[in-house]
Amino acid sequence: MFTNTSFADTEKLVNSPFTVPELAIFPEKCVALRQGKHCYTKIKFQWHAPIRGDYCIRTVSDQKLIRCWYNSTFGELESEFNSPDAKRYELIEIGSGQVSNQVEMKVNWVYTNKRKKRRWRLF
């Protein structure tokens, strides 16, 4: 699987034999300034399959299709990521509905919300 690979490693994997479709995402994490704030970055999806077919990338949570490829063995997509939380994505084969694998875009932050809200009182 591609889960912790660089682009150089991806080239090696693309040229090696495999038996199931695989999906990768780069980068694998986004860093927001504060916990709970939206994280913004550009992400790149790459996938390849051992046999030609119809494949789609979709979000796991709501199963929203992001992009589909028809009669293909590989694909790439650049997209915007905008979320305060991690998101999972999956590659599916359209005809069978079979999910090949999932990848996760993690969200980290520089500062956690440790401040306690203090209420002012006049008395």
PDB file of N, CA and C in Angstrom:
ATOM      1  N   MET A   1       0.828  -1.191   0.000  1.00  0.00           N
ATOM      2  CA  MET A   1       0.000   0.000   0.000  1.00  0.00           C
ATOM      3  C   MET A   1       0.866   1.245   0.000  1.00  0.00           C
ATOM      4  N   PHE A   2       0.266   2.379  -0.311  1.00  0.00           N
ATOM      5  CA  PHE A   2       0.984   3.637  -0.428  1.00  0.00           C
ATOM      6  C   PHE A   2       1.030   4.454   0.851  1.00  0.00           C
ATOM      7  N   THR A   3       0.438   4.046   1.902  1.00  0.00           N
ATOM      8  CA  THR A   3       0.124   4.919   3.023  1.00  0.00           C
ATOM      9  C   THR A   3       1.258   5.827   3.489  1.00  0.00           C
ATOM     10  N   ASN A   4       2.474   5.386   3.573  1.00  0.00           N
ATOM     11  CA  ASN A   4       3.559   6.247   4.046  1.00  0.00           C
ATOM     12  C   ASN A   4       4.693   6.276   3.032  1.00  0.00           C
ATOM     13  N   THR A   5       4.415   6.742   1.820  1.00  0.00           N
ATOM     14  CA  THR A   5       5.425   6.749   0.779  1.00  0.00           C
ATOM     15  C   THR A   5       5.607   8.137   0.203  1.00  0.00           C
ATOM     16  N   SER A   6       6.766   8.342  -0.387  1.00  0.00           N
ATOM     17  CA  SER A   6       7.041   9.594  -1.083  1.00  0.00           C
ATOM     18  C   SER A   6       6.744   9.388  -2.562  1.00  0.00           C
ATOM     19  N   PHE A   7       6.868  10.460  -3.354  1.00  0.00           N
ATOM     20  CA  PHE A   7       6.645  10.323  -4.790  1.00  0.00           C
ATOM     21  C   PHE A   7       7.657   9.374  -5.412  1.00  0.00           C
ATOM     22  N   ALA A   8       8.898   9.387  -4.944  1.00  0.00           N
ATOM     23  CA  ALA A   8       9.916   8.470  -5.465  1.00  0.00           C
ATOM     24  C   ALA A   8       9.522   7.025  -5.172  1.00  0.00           C
ATOM     25  N   ASP A   9       9.028   6.771  -3.962  1.00  0.00           N
ATOM     26  CA  ASP A   9       8.574   5.426  -3.611  1.00  0.00           C
ATOM     27  C   ASP A   9       7.373   5.019  -4.457  1.00  0.00           C
ATOM     28  N   THR A  10       6.517   5.992  -4.780  1.00  0.00           N
ATOM     29  CA  THR A  10       5.334   5.709  -5.585  1.00  0.00           C
ATOM     30  C   THR A  10       5.741   5.210  -6.967  1.00  0.00           C
ATOM     31  N   GLU A  11       6.772   5.837  -7.557  1.00  0.00           N
ATOM     32  CA  GLU A  11       7.233   5.394  -8.875  1.00  0.00           C
ATOM     33  C   GLU A  11       7.691   3.945  -8.832  1.00  0.00           C
ATOM     34  N   LYS A  12       8.388   3.564  -7.751  1.00  0.00           N
ATOM     35  CA  LYS A  12       8.831   2.183  -7.612  1.00  0.00           C
ATOM     36  C   LYS A  12       7.626   1.247  -7.522  1.00  0.00           C
ATOM     37  N   LEU A  13       6.602   1.664  -6.752  1.00  0.00           N
ATOM     38  CA  LEU A  13       5.419   0.816  -6.583  1.00  0.00           C
ATOM     39  C   LEU A  13       4.622   0.704  -7.867  1.00  0.00           C
ATOM     40  N   VAL A  14       4.546   1.795  -8.638  1.00  0.00           N
ATOM     41  CA  VAL A  14       3.797   1.764  -9.886  1.00  0.00           C
ATOM     42  C   VAL A  14       4.432   0.777 -10.852  1.00  0.00           C
ATOM     43  N   ASN A  15       5.750   0.669 -10.823  1.00  0.00           N
ATOM     44  CA  ASN A  15       6.457  -0.216 -11.739  1.00  0.00           C
ATOM     45  C   ASN A  15       6.598  -1.642 -11.204  1.00  0.00           C
ATOM     46  N   SER A  16       6.121  -1.912 -10.013  1.00  0.00           N
ATOM     47  CA  SER A  16       6.190  -3.266  -9.468  1.00  0.00           C
ATOM     48  C   SER A  16       4.836  -3.954  -9.621  1.00  0.00           C
ATOM     49  N   PRO A  17       4.827  -5.293  -9.649  1.00  0.00           N
ATOM     50  CA  PRO A  17       3.559  -6.006  -9.796  1.00  0.00           C
ATOM     51  C   PRO A  17       2.679  -5.871  -8.550  1.00  0.00           C
ATOM     52  N   PHE A  18       1.369  -5.779  -8.753  1.00  0.00           N
ATOM     53  CA  PHE A  18       0.430  -5.697  -7.645  1.00  0.00           C
ATOM     54  C   PHE A  18      -0.850  -6.380  -8.070  1.00  0.00           C
ATOM     55  N   THR A  19      -1.690  -6.727  -7.103  1.00  0.00           N
ATOM     56  CA  THR A  19      -2.876  -7.516  -7.429  1.00  0.00           C
ATOM     57  C   THR A  19      -4.188  -6.785  -7.164  1.00  0.00           C
ATOM     58  N   VAL A  20      -4.155  -5.717  -6.370  1.00  0.00           N
ATOM     59  CA  VAL A  20      -5.379  -4.969  -6.086  1.00  0.00           C
ATOM     60  C   VAL A  20      -5.145  -3.491  -6.378  1.00  0.00           C
ATOM     61  N   PRO A  21      -6.205  -2.745  -6.716  1.00  0.00           N
ATOM     62  CA  PRO A  21      -6.050  -1.305  -6.925  1.00  0.00           C
ATOM     63  C   PRO A  21      -5.568  -0.627  -5.643  1.00  0.00           C
ATOM     64  N   GLU A  22      -4.732   0.396  -5.793  1.00  0.00           N
ATOM     65  CA  GLU A  22      -4.187   1.103  -4.651  1.00  0.00           C
ATOM     66  C   GLU A  22      -4.361   2.603  -4.822  1.00  0.00           C
ATOM     67  N   LEU A  23      -4.587   3.281  -3.702  1.00  0.00           N
ATOM     68  CA  LEU A  23      -4.805   4.716  -3.674  1.00  0.00           C
ATOM     69  C   LEU A  23      -3.805   5.360  -2.726  1.00  0.00           C
ATOM     70  N   ALA A  24      -3.257   6.520  -3.121  1.00  0.00           N
ATOM     71  CA  ALA A  24      -2.327   7.265  -2.269  1.00  0.00           C
ATOM     72  C   ALA A  24      -2.747   8.721  -2.246  1.00  0.00           C
ATOM     73  N   ILE A  25      -2.377   9.413  -1.179  1.00  0.00           N
ATOM     74  CA  ILE A  25      -2.675  10.833  -1.043  1.00  0.00           C
ATOM     75  C   ILE A  25      -1.406  11.543  -0.563  1.00  0.00           C
ATOM     76  N   PHE A  26      -1.154  12.712  -1.124  1.00  0.00           N
ATOM     77  CA  PHE A  26       0.034  13.503  -0.770  1.00  0.00           C
ATOM     78  C   PHE A  26      -0.360  14.954  -0.586  1.00  0.00           C
ATOM     79  N   PRO A  27      -0.008  15.659   0.454  1.00  0.00           N
ATOM     80  CA  PRO A  27       0.599  15.117   1.656  1.00  0.00           C
ATOM     81  C   PRO A  27      -0.439  14.337   2.446  1.00  0.00           C
ATOM     82  N   GLU A  28      -0.017  13.688   3.499  1.00  0.00           N
ATOM     83  CA  GLU A  28      -0.937  12.880   4.304  1.00  0.00           C
ATOM     84  C   GLU A  28      -1.482  13.631   5.505  1.00  0.00           C
ATOM     85  N   LYS A  29      -0.967  14.842   5.749  1.00  0.00           N
ATOM     86  CA  LYS A  29      -1.503  15.617   6.867  1.00  0.00           C
ATOM     87  C   LYS A  29      -1.459  17.105   6.543  1.00  0.00           C
ATOM     88  N   CYS A  30      -2.321  17.824   7.222  1.00  0.00           N
ATOM     89  CA  CYS A  30      -2.442  19.266   7.080  1.00  0.00           C
ATOM     90  C   CYS A  30      -2.279  19.858   8.477  1.00  0.00           C
ATOM     91  N   VAL A  31      -1.619  21.005   8.567  1.00  0.00           N
ATOM     92  CA  VAL A  31      -1.385  21.624   9.867  1.00  0.00           C
ATOM     93  C   VAL A  31      -2.124  22.954   9.948  1.00  0.00           C
ATOM     94  N   ALA A  32      -3.028  23.051  10.912  1.00  0.00           N
ATOM     95  CA  ALA A  32      -3.770  24.286  11.176  1.00  0.00           C
ATOM     96  C   ALA A  32      -3.100  25.008  12.335  1.00  0.00           C
ATOM     97  N   LEU A  33      -3.326  26.303  12.428  1.00  0.00           N
ATOM     98  CA  LEU A  33      -2.705  27.081  13.490  1.00  0.00           C
ATOM     99  C   LEU A  33      -3.269  26.708  14.860  1.00  0.00           C
ATOM    100  N   ARG A  34      -4.599  26.616  14.965  1.00  0.00           N
ATOM    101  CA  ARG A  34      -5.227  26.311  16.246  1.00  0.00           C
ATOM    102  C   ARG A  34      -6.149  25.099  16.120  1.00  0.00           C
ATOM    103  N   GLN A  35      -6.265  24.368  17.210  1.00  0.00           N
ATOM    104  CA  GLN A  35      -7.160  23.212  17.269  1.00  0.00           C
ATOM    105  C   GLN A  35      -8.591  23.650  16.975  1.00  0.00           C
ATOM    106  N   GLY A  36      -9.270  22.922  16.085  1.00  0.00           N
ATOM    107  CA  GLY A  36     -10.658  23.224  15.754  1.00  0.00           C
ATOM    108  C   GLY A  36     -10.821  24.167  14.575  1.00  0.00           C
ATOM    109  N   LYS A  37      -9.733  24.809  14.135  1.00  0.00           N
ATOM    110  CA  LYS A  37      -9.800  25.708  12.977  1.00  0.00           C
ATOM    111  C   LYS A  37      -9.626  24.911  11.698  1.00  0.00           C
ATOM    112  N   HIS A  38     -10.150  25.436  10.615  1.00  0.00           N
ATOM    113  CA  HIS A  38     -10.030  24.763   9.319  1.00  0.00           C
ATOM    114  C   HIS A  38      -8.580  24.721   8.868  1.00  0.00           C
ATOM    115  N   CYS A  39      -8.226  23.626   8.248  1.00  0.00           N
ATOM    116  CA  CYS A  39      -6.904  23.455   7.674  1.00  0.00           C
ATOM    117  C   CYS A  39      -7.066  23.510   6.157  1.00  0.00           C
ATOM    118  N   TYR A  40      -6.227  24.291   5.504  1.00  0.00           N
ATOM    119  CA  TYR A  40      -6.318  24.476   4.061  1.00  0.00           C
ATOM    120  C   TYR A  40      -5.019  24.014   3.415  1.00  0.00           C
ATOM    121  N   THR A  41      -5.136  23.174   2.394  1.00  0.00           N
ATOM    122  CA  THR A  41      -3.962  22.761   1.628  1.00  0.00           C
ATOM    123  C   THR A  41      -4.413  22.149   0.302  1.00  0.00           C
ATOM    124  N   LYS A  42      -3.489  22.023  -0.617  1.00  0.00           N
ATOM    125  CA  LYS A  42      -3.747  21.304  -1.866  1.00  0.00           C
ATOM    126  C   LYS A  42      -3.322  19.861  -1.643  1.00  0.00           C
ATOM    127  N   ILE A  43      -4.144  18.937  -2.098  1.00  0.00           N
ATOM    128  CA  ILE A  43      -3.804  17.520  -1.969  1.00  0.00           C
ATOM    129  C   ILE A  43      -3.779  16.885  -3.350  1.00  0.00           C
ATOM    130  N   LYS A  44      -3.017  15.816  -3.456  1.00  0.00           N
ATOM    131  CA  LYS A  44      -2.913  15.084  -4.724  1.00  0.00           C
ATOM    132  C   LYS A  44      -3.237  13.626  -4.475  1.00  0.00           C
ATOM    133  N   PHE A  45      -4.199  13.127  -5.211  1.00  0.00           N
ATOM    134  CA  PHE A  45      -4.551  11.704  -5.174  1.00  0.00           C
ATOM    135  C   PHE A  45      -3.861  11.015  -6.340  1.00  0.00           C
ATOM    136  N   GLN A  46      -3.348   9.818  -6.099  1.00  0.00           N
ATOM    137  CA  GLN A  46      -2.818   8.962  -7.159  1.00  0.00           C
ATOM    138  C   GLN A  46      -3.337   7.553  -6.920  1.00  0.00           C
ATOM    139  N   TRP A  47      -3.750   6.892  -7.987  1.00  0.00           N
ATOM    140  CA  TRP A  47      -4.187   5.506  -7.853  1.00  0.00           C
ATOM    141  C   TRP A  47      -3.734   4.729  -9.073  1.00  0.00           C
ATOM    142  N   HIS A  48      -3.646   3.417  -8.913  1.00  0.00           N
ATOM    143  CA  HIS A  48      -3.395   2.527 -10.039  1.00  0.00           C
ATOM    144  C   HIS A  48      -4.025   1.171  -9.753  1.00  0.00           C
ATOM    145  N   ALA A  49      -4.357   0.489 -10.828  1.00  0.00           N
ATOM    146  CA  ALA A  49      -5.048  -0.800 -10.725  1.00  0.00           C
ATOM    147  C   ALA A  49      -4.403  -1.808 -11.664  1.00  0.00           C
ATOM    148  N   PRO A  50      -4.464  -3.088 -11.318  1.00  0.00           N
ATOM    149  CA  PRO A  50      -3.849  -4.117 -12.161  1.00  0.00           C
ATOM    150  C   PRO A  50      -4.626  -4.379 -13.449  1.00  0.00           C
ATOM    151  N   ILE A  51      -5.937  -4.094 -13.437  1.00  0.00           N
ATOM    152  CA  ILE A  51      -6.736  -4.304 -14.646  1.00  0.00           C
ATOM    153  C   ILE A  51      -7.502  -3.030 -14.994  1.00  0.00           C
ATOM    154  N   ARG A  52      -7.728  -2.833 -16.262  1.00  0.00           N
ATOM    155  CA  ARG A  52      -8.462  -1.665 -16.749  1.00  0.00           C
ATOM    156  C   ARG A  52      -9.903  -1.736 -16.251  1.00  0.00           C
ATOM    157  N   GLY A  53     -10.416  -0.605 -15.794  1.00  0.00           N
ATOM    158  CA  GLY A  53     -11.780  -0.585 -15.289  1.00  0.00           C
ATOM    159  C   GLY A  53     -12.258   0.825 -15.027  1.00  0.00           C
ATOM    160  N   ASP A  54     -13.433   0.923 -14.415  1.00  0.00           N
ATOM    161  CA  ASP A  54     -14.042   2.205 -14.068  1.00  0.00           C
ATOM    162  C   ASP A  54     -13.898   2.386 -12.555  1.00  0.00           C
ATOM    163  N   TYR A  55     -13.207   3.452 -12.148  1.00  0.00           N
ATOM    164  CA  TYR A  55     -12.893   3.678 -10.739  1.00  0.00           C
ATOM    165  C   TYR A  55     -13.271   5.094 -10.312  1.00  0.00           C
ATOM    166  N   CYS A  56     -13.630   5.237  -9.048  1.00  0.00           N
ATOM    167  CA  CYS A  56     -13.955   6.548  -8.484  1.00  0.00           C
ATOM    168  C   CYS A  56     -13.264   6.714  -7.139  1.00  0.00           C
ATOM    169  N   ILE A  57     -12.933   7.965  -6.821  1.00  0.00           N
ATOM    170  CA  ILE A  57     -12.472   8.320  -5.485  1.00  0.00           C
ATOM    171  C   ILE A  57     -13.649   9.000  -4.805  1.00  0.00           C
ATOM    172  N   ARG A  58     -13.927   8.605  -3.568  1.00  0.00           N
ATOM    173  CA  ARG A  58     -15.025   9.219  -2.822  1.00  0.00           C
ATOM    174  C   ARG A  58     -14.641   9.375  -1.358  1.00  0.00           C
ATOM    175  N   THR A  59     -15.385  10.236  -0.663  1.00  0.00           N
ATOM    176  CA  THR A  59     -15.183  10.403   0.773  1.00  0.00           C
ATOM    177  C   THR A  59     -15.874   9.239   1.487  1.00  0.00           C
ATOM    178  N   VAL A  60     -15.281   8.776   2.563  1.00  0.00           N
ATOM    179  CA  VAL A  60     -15.841   7.646   3.305  1.00  0.00           C
ATOM    180  C   VAL A  60     -17.064   8.077   4.105  1.00  0.00           C
ATOM    181  N   SER A  61     -17.003   9.250   4.731  1.00  0.00           N
ATOM    182  CA  SER A  61     -18.069   9.677   5.643  1.00  0.00           C
ATOM    183  C   SER A  61     -19.427   9.817   4.967  1.00  0.00           C
ATOM    184  N   ASP A  62     -19.480  10.511   3.843  1.00  0.00           N
ATOM    185  CA  ASP A  62     -20.774  10.725   3.176  1.00  0.00           C
ATOM    186  C   ASP A  62     -20.857  10.061   1.804  1.00  0.00           C
ATOM    187  N   GLN A  63     -19.822   9.336   1.417  1.00  0.00           N
ATOM    188  CA  GLN A  63     -19.733   8.618   0.143  1.00  0.00           C
ATOM    189  C   GLN A  63     -19.968   9.537  -1.058  1.00  0.00           C
ATOM    190  N   LYS A  64     -19.521  10.773  -0.941  1.00  0.00           N
ATOM    191  CA  LYS A  64     -19.619  11.745  -2.025  1.00  0.00           C
ATOM    192  C   LYS A  64     -18.507  11.483  -3.037  1.00  0.00           C
ATOM    193  N   LEU A  65     -18.885  11.303  -4.305  1.00  0.00           N
ATOM    194  CA  LEU A  65     -17.899  11.058  -5.354  1.00  0.00           C
ATOM    195  C   LEU A  65     -17.106  12.335  -5.625  1.00  0.00           C
ATOM    196  N   ILE A  66     -15.791  12.188  -5.694  1.00  0.00           N
ATOM    197  CA  ILE A  66     -14.919  13.329  -5.977  1.00  0.00           C
ATOM    198  C   ILE A  66     -14.564  13.359  -7.456  1.00  0.00           C
ATOM    199  N   ARG A  67     -14.200  12.198  -8.002  1.00  0.00           N
ATOM    200  CA  ARG A  67     -13.875  12.108  -9.428  1.00  0.00           C
ATOM    201  C   ARG A  67     -13.891  10.647  -9.830  1.00  0.00           C
ATOM    202  N   CYS A  68     -14.267  10.410 -11.091  1.00  0.00           N
ATOM    203  CA  CYS A  68     -14.276   9.055 -11.651  1.00  0.00           C
ATOM    204  C   CYS A  68     -13.425   9.006 -12.916  1.00  0.00           C
ATOM    205  N   TRP A  69     -12.870   7.825 -13.193  1.00  0.00           N
ATOM    206  CA  TRP A  69     -12.119   7.556 -14.406  1.00  0.00           C
ATOM    207  C   TRP A  69     -12.729   6.303 -15.037  1.00  0.00           C
ATOM    208  N   TYR A  70     -12.831   6.300 -16.348  1.00  0.00           N
ATOM    209  CA  TYR A  70     -13.450   5.188 -17.057  1.00  0.00           C
ATOM    210  C   TYR A  70     -12.433   4.514 -17.967  1.00  0.00           C
ATOM    211  N   ASN A  71     -12.479   3.164 -17.982  1.00  0.00           N
ATOM    212  CA  ASN A  71     -11.590   2.356 -18.800  1.00  0.00           C
ATOM    213  C   ASN A  71     -10.125   2.744 -18.562  1.00  0.00           C
ATOM    214  N   SER A  72      -9.725   2.824 -17.303  1.00  0.00           N
ATOM    215  CA  SER A  72      -8.380   3.282 -16.932  1.00  0.00           C
ATOM    216  C   SER A  72      -7.703   2.299 -15.986  1.00  0.00           C
ATOM    217  N   THR A  73      -6.370   2.407 -15.934  1.00  0.00           N
ATOM    218  CA  THR A  73      -5.597   1.631 -14.968  1.00  0.00           C
ATOM    219  C   THR A  73      -4.884   2.534 -13.962  1.00  0.00           C
ATOM    220  N   PHE A  74      -4.957   3.851 -14.162  1.00  0.00           N
ATOM    221  CA  PHE A  74      -4.336   4.779 -13.222  1.00  0.00           C
ATOM    222  C   PHE A  74      -4.995   6.151 -13.343  1.00  0.00           C
ATOM    223  N   GLY A  75      -4.773   6.968 -12.326  1.00  0.00           N
ATOM    224  CA  GLY A  75      -5.307   8.318 -12.372  1.00  0.00           C
ATOM    225  C   GLY A  75      -4.672   9.203 -11.320  1.00  0.00           C
ATOM    226  N   GLU A  76      -4.730  10.503 -11.576  1.00  0.00           N
ATOM    227  CA  GLU A  76      -4.235  11.516 -10.640  1.00  0.00           C
ATOM    228  C   GLU A  76      -5.254  12.627 -10.553  1.00  0.00           C
ATOM    229  N   LEU A  77      -5.309  13.245  -9.388  1.00  0.00           N
ATOM    230  CA  LEU A  77      -6.230  14.355  -9.169  1.00  0.00           C
ATOM    231  C   LEU A  77      -5.643  15.296  -8.145  1.00  0.00           C
ATOM    232  N   GLU A  78      -5.641  16.596  -8.461  1.00  0.00           N
ATOM    233  CA  GLU A  78      -5.263  17.610  -7.487  1.00  0.00           C
ATOM    234  C   GLU A  78      -6.540  18.277  -7.016  1.00  0.00           C
ATOM    235  N   SER A  79      -6.626  18.491  -5.706  1.00  0.00           N
ATOM    236  CA  SER A  79      -7.847  19.026  -5.120  1.00  0.00           C
ATOM    237  C   SER A  79      -7.501  19.906  -3.926  1.00  0.00           C
ATOM    238  N   GLU A  80      -8.478  20.676  -3.468  1.00  0.00           N
ATOM    239  CA  GLU A  80      -8.314  21.517  -2.283  1.00  0.00           C
ATOM    240  C   GLU A  80      -8.849  20.759  -1.065  1.00  0.00           C
ATOM    241  N   PHE A  81      -8.123  20.841   0.031  1.00  0.00           N
ATOM    242  CA  PHE A  81      -8.579  20.278   1.295  1.00  0.00           C
ATOM    243  C   PHE A  81      -8.912  21.443   2.216  1.00  0.00           C
ATOM    244  N   ASN A  82     -10.102  21.404   2.805  1.00  0.00           N
ATOM    245  CA  ASN A  82     -10.567  22.478   3.675  1.00  0.00           C
ATOM    246  C   ASN A  82     -11.450  21.851   4.746  1.00  0.00           C
ATOM    247  N   SER A  83     -10.865  21.553   5.907  1.00  0.00           N
ATOM    248  CA  SER A  83     -11.615  20.885   6.958  1.00  0.00           C
ATOM    249  C   SER A  83     -10.927  21.072   8.305  1.00  0.00           C
ATOM    250  N   PRO A  84     -11.705  21.152   9.392  1.00  0.00           N
ATOM    251  CA  PRO A  84     -11.098  21.195  10.717  1.00  0.00           C
ATOM    252  C   PRO A  84     -10.749  19.797  11.246  1.00  0.00           C
ATOM    253  N   ASP A  85     -11.242  18.780  10.580  1.00  0.00           N
ATOM    254  CA  ASP A  85     -11.051  17.395  11.031  1.00  0.00           C
ATOM    255  C   ASP A  85     -10.440  16.547   9.924  1.00  0.00           C
ATOM    256  N   ALA A  86      -9.903  15.404  10.326  1.00  0.00           N
ATOM    257  CA  ALA A  86      -9.358  14.443   9.370  1.00  0.00           C
ATOM    258  C   ALA A  86     -10.482  13.928   8.466  1.00  0.00           C
ATOM    259  N   LYS A  87     -10.111  13.550   7.246  1.00  0.00           N
ATOM    260  CA  LYS A  87     -11.078  12.965   6.313  1.00  0.00           C
ATOM    261  C   LYS A  87     -10.476  11.717   5.704  1.00  0.00           C
ATOM    262  N   ARG A  88     -11.341  10.725   5.496  1.00  0.00           N
ATOM    263  CA  ARG A  88     -10.925   9.481   4.855  1.00  0.00           C
ATOM    264  C   ARG A  88     -11.492   9.428   3.436  1.00  0.00           C
ATOM    265  N   TYR A  89     -10.692   8.877   2.538  1.00  0.00           N
ATOM    266  CA  TYR A  89     -11.076   8.731   1.141  1.00  0.00           C
ATOM    267  C   TYR A  89     -10.873   7.279   0.739  1.00  0.00           C
ATOM    268  N   GLU A  90     -11.642   6.830  -0.269  1.00  0.00           N
ATOM    269  CA  GLU A  90     -11.503   5.458  -0.731  1.00  0.00           C
ATOM    270  C   GLU A  90     -11.613   5.390  -2.245  1.00  0.00           C
ATOM    271  N   LEU A  91     -11.001   4.349  -2.803  1.00  0.00           N
ATOM    272  CA  LEU A  91     -11.069   4.066  -4.231  1.00  0.00           C
ATOM    273  C   LEU A  91     -12.050   2.919  -4.420  1.00  0.00           C
ATOM    274  N   ILE A  92     -13.043   3.133  -5.277  1.00  0.00           N
ATOM    275  CA  ILE A  92     -14.028   2.069  -5.516  1.00  0.00           C
ATOM    276  C   ILE A  92     -14.052   1.705  -6.998  1.00  0.00           C
ATOM    277  N   GLU A  93     -14.356   0.451  -7.265  1.00  0.00           N
ATOM    278  CA  GLU A  93     -14.568  -0.017  -8.638  1.00  0.00           C
ATOM    279  C   GLU A  93     -16.061   0.129  -8.899  1.00  0.00           C
ATOM    280  N   ILE A  94     -16.433   0.895  -9.913  1.00  0.00           N
ATOM    281  CA  ILE A  94     -17.830   1.269 -10.127  1.00  0.00           C
ATOM    282  C   ILE A  94     -18.737   0.066 -10.386  1.00  0.00           C
ATOM    283  N   GLY A  95     -18.333  -0.844 -11.247  1.00  0.00           N
ATOM    284  CA  GLY A  95     -19.178  -1.970 -11.614  1.00  0.00           C
ATOM    285  C   GLY A  95     -19.555  -2.862 -10.441  1.00  0.00           C
ATOM    286  N   SER A  96     -18.576  -3.207  -9.622  1.00  0.00           N
ATOM    287  CA  SER A  96     -18.826  -4.124  -8.503  1.00  0.00           C
ATOM    288  C   SER A  96     -19.115  -3.392  -7.195  1.00  0.00           C
ATOM    289  N   GLY A  97     -18.732  -2.112  -7.104  1.00  0.00           N
ATOM    290  CA  GLY A  97     -18.886  -1.371  -5.860  1.00  0.00           C
ATOM    291  C   GLY A  97     -17.845  -1.753  -4.821  1.00  0.00           C
ATOM    292  N   GLN A  98     -16.853  -2.529  -5.244  1.00  0.00           N
ATOM    293  CA  GLN A  98     -15.815  -3.001  -4.332  1.00  0.00           C
ATOM    294  C   GLN A  98     -14.871  -1.857  -3.947  1.00  0.00           C
ATOM    295  N   VAL A  99     -14.638  -1.714  -2.645  1.00  0.00           N
ATOM    296  CA  VAL A  99     -13.710  -0.708  -2.129  1.00  0.00           C
ATOM    297  C   VAL A  99     -12.322  -1.315  -2.101  1.00  0.00           C
ATOM    298  N   SER A 100     -11.363  -0.652  -2.761  1.00  0.00           N
ATOM    299  CA  SER A 100      -9.998  -1.180  -2.819  1.00  0.00           C
ATOM    300  C   SER A 100      -9.223  -0.892  -1.547  1.00  0.00           C
ATOM    301  N   ASN A 101      -9.077   0.365  -1.218  1.00  0.00           N
ATOM    302  CA  ASN A 101      -8.426   0.719   0.042  1.00  0.00           C
ATOM    303  C   ASN A 101      -8.790   2.141   0.418  1.00  0.00           C
ATOM    304  N   GLN A 102      -8.439   2.514   1.638  1.00  0.00           N
ATOM    305  CA  GLN A 102      -8.756   3.850   2.142  1.00  0.00           C
ATOM    306  C   GLN A 102      -7.471   4.558   2.542  1.00  0.00           C
ATOM    307  N   VAL A 103      -7.484   5.885   2.397  1.00  0.00           N
ATOM    308  CA  VAL A 103      -6.392   6.728   2.875  1.00  0.00           C
ATOM    309  C   VAL A 103      -7.005   7.829   3.728  1.00  0.00           C
ATOM    310  N   GLU A 104      -6.197   8.390   4.618  1.00  0.00           N
ATOM    311  CA  GLU A 104      -6.706   9.426   5.513  1.00  0.00           C
ATOM    312  C   GLU A 104      -5.858  10.683   5.407  1.00  0.00           C
ATOM    313  N   MET A 105      -6.531  11.820   5.300  1.00  0.00           N
ATOM    314  CA  MET A 105      -5.883  13.122   5.383  1.00  0.00           C
ATOM    315  C   MET A 105      -6.018  13.554   6.837  1.00  0.00           C
ATOM    316  N   LYS A 106      -4.903  13.556   7.553  1.00  0.00           N
ATOM    317  CA  LYS A 106      -4.923  13.898   8.979  1.00  0.00           C
ATOM    318  C   LYS A 106      -4.821  15.411   9.157  1.00  0.00           C
ATOM    319  N   VAL A 107      -5.371  15.908  10.253  1.00  0.00           N
ATOM    320  CA  VAL A 107      -5.274  17.327  10.588  1.00  0.00           C
ATOM    321  C   VAL A 107      -4.573  17.459  11.933  1.00  0.00           C
ATOM    322  N   ASN A 108      -3.472  18.185  11.936  1.00  0.00           N
ATOM    323  CA  ASN A 108      -2.744  18.497  13.164  1.00  0.00           C
ATOM    324  C   ASN A 108      -2.810  19.996  13.385  1.00  0.00           C
ATOM    325  N   TRP A 109      -2.431  20.438  14.562  1.00  0.00           N
ATOM    326  CA  TRP A 109      -2.467  21.873  14.836  1.00  0.00           C
ATOM    327  C   TRP A 109      -1.231  22.283  15.622  1.00  0.00           C
ATOM    328  N   VAL A 110      -0.909  23.561  15.517  1.00  0.00           N
ATOM    329  CA  VAL A 110       0.255  24.104  16.212  1.00  0.00           C
ATOM    330  C   VAL A 110      -0.077  24.368  17.679  1.00  0.00           C
ATOM    331  N   TYR A 111      -1.228  24.985  17.929  1.00  0.00           N
ATOM    332  CA  TYR A 111      -1.635  25.323  19.289  1.00  0.00           C
ATOM    333  C   TYR A 111      -2.941  24.620  19.632  1.00  0.00           C
ATOM    334  N   THR A 112      -2.979  24.001  20.816  1.00  0.00           N
ATOM    335  CA  THR A 112      -4.227  23.394  21.271  1.00  0.00           C
ATOM    336  C   THR A 112      -5.033  24.444  22.035  1.00  0.00           C
ATOM    337  N   ASN A 113      -6.308  24.201  22.165  1.00  0.00           N
ATOM    338  CA  ASN A 113      -7.186  25.115  22.888  1.00  0.00           C
ATOM    339  C   ASN A 113      -7.164  24.770  24.374  1.00  0.00           C
ATOM    340  N   LYS A 114      -6.208  25.327  25.089  1.00  0.00           N
ATOM    341  CA  LYS A 114      -6.084  25.044  26.516  1.00  0.00           C
ATOM    342  C   LYS A 114      -6.653  26.173  27.370  1.00  0.00           C
ATOM    343  N   ARG A 115      -6.968  27.267  26.736  1.00  0.00           N
ATOM    344  CA  ARG A 115      -7.487  28.407  27.495  1.00  0.00           C
ATOM    345  C   ARG A 115      -8.856  28.091  28.074  1.00  0.00           C
ATOM    346  N   LYS A 116      -9.033  28.502  29.303  1.00  0.00           N
ATOM    347  CA  LYS A 116     -10.343  28.358  29.914  1.00  0.00           C
ATOM    348  C   LYS A 116     -11.091  29.662  29.712  1.00  0.00           C
ATOM    349  N   LYS A 117     -12.333  29.549  29.372  1.00  0.00           N
ATOM    350  CA  LYS A 117     -13.140  30.750  29.213  1.00  0.00           C
ATOM    351  C   LYS A 117     -13.442  31.312  30.590  1.00  0.00           C
ATOM    352  N   ARG A 118     -13.132  32.557  30.784  1.00  0.00           N
ATOM    353  CA  ARG A 118     -13.390  33.215  32.059  1.00  0.00           C
ATOM    354  C   ARG A 118     -14.481  34.242  31.858  1.00  0.00           C
ATOM    355  N   ARG A 119     -15.417  34.191  32.721  1.00  0.00           N
ATOM    356  CA  ARG A 119     -16.521  35.148  32.639  1.00  0.00           C
ATOM    357  C   ARG A 119     -16.260  36.280  33.613  1.00  0.00           C
ATOM    358  N   TRP A 120     -16.456  37.453  33.161  1.00  0.00           N
ATOM    359  CA  TRP A 120     -16.283  38.630  34.017  1.00  0.00           C
ATOM    360  C   TRP A 120     -17.528  38.857  34.850  1.00  0.00           C
ATOM    361  N   ARG A 121     -17.283  39.184  36.095  1.00  0.00           N
ATOM    362  CA  ARG A 121     -18.393  39.483  36.995  1.00  0.00           C
ATOM    363  C   ARG A 121     -18.187  40.882  37.562  1.00  0.00           C
ATOM    364  N   LEU A 122     -19.250  41.553  37.721  1.00  0.00           N
ATOM    365  CA  LEU A 122     -19.170  42.887  38.290  1.00  0.00           C
ATOM    366  C   LEU A 122     -19.290  42.884  39.806  1.00  0.00           C
ATOM    367  N   PHE A 123     -19.686  41.777  40.382  1.00  0.00           N
ATOM    368  CA  PHE A 123     -19.871  41.718  41.835  1.00  0.00           C
ATOM    369  C   PHE A 123     -18.716  41.027  42.502  1.00  0.00           C
TER     370      PHE A 123
END
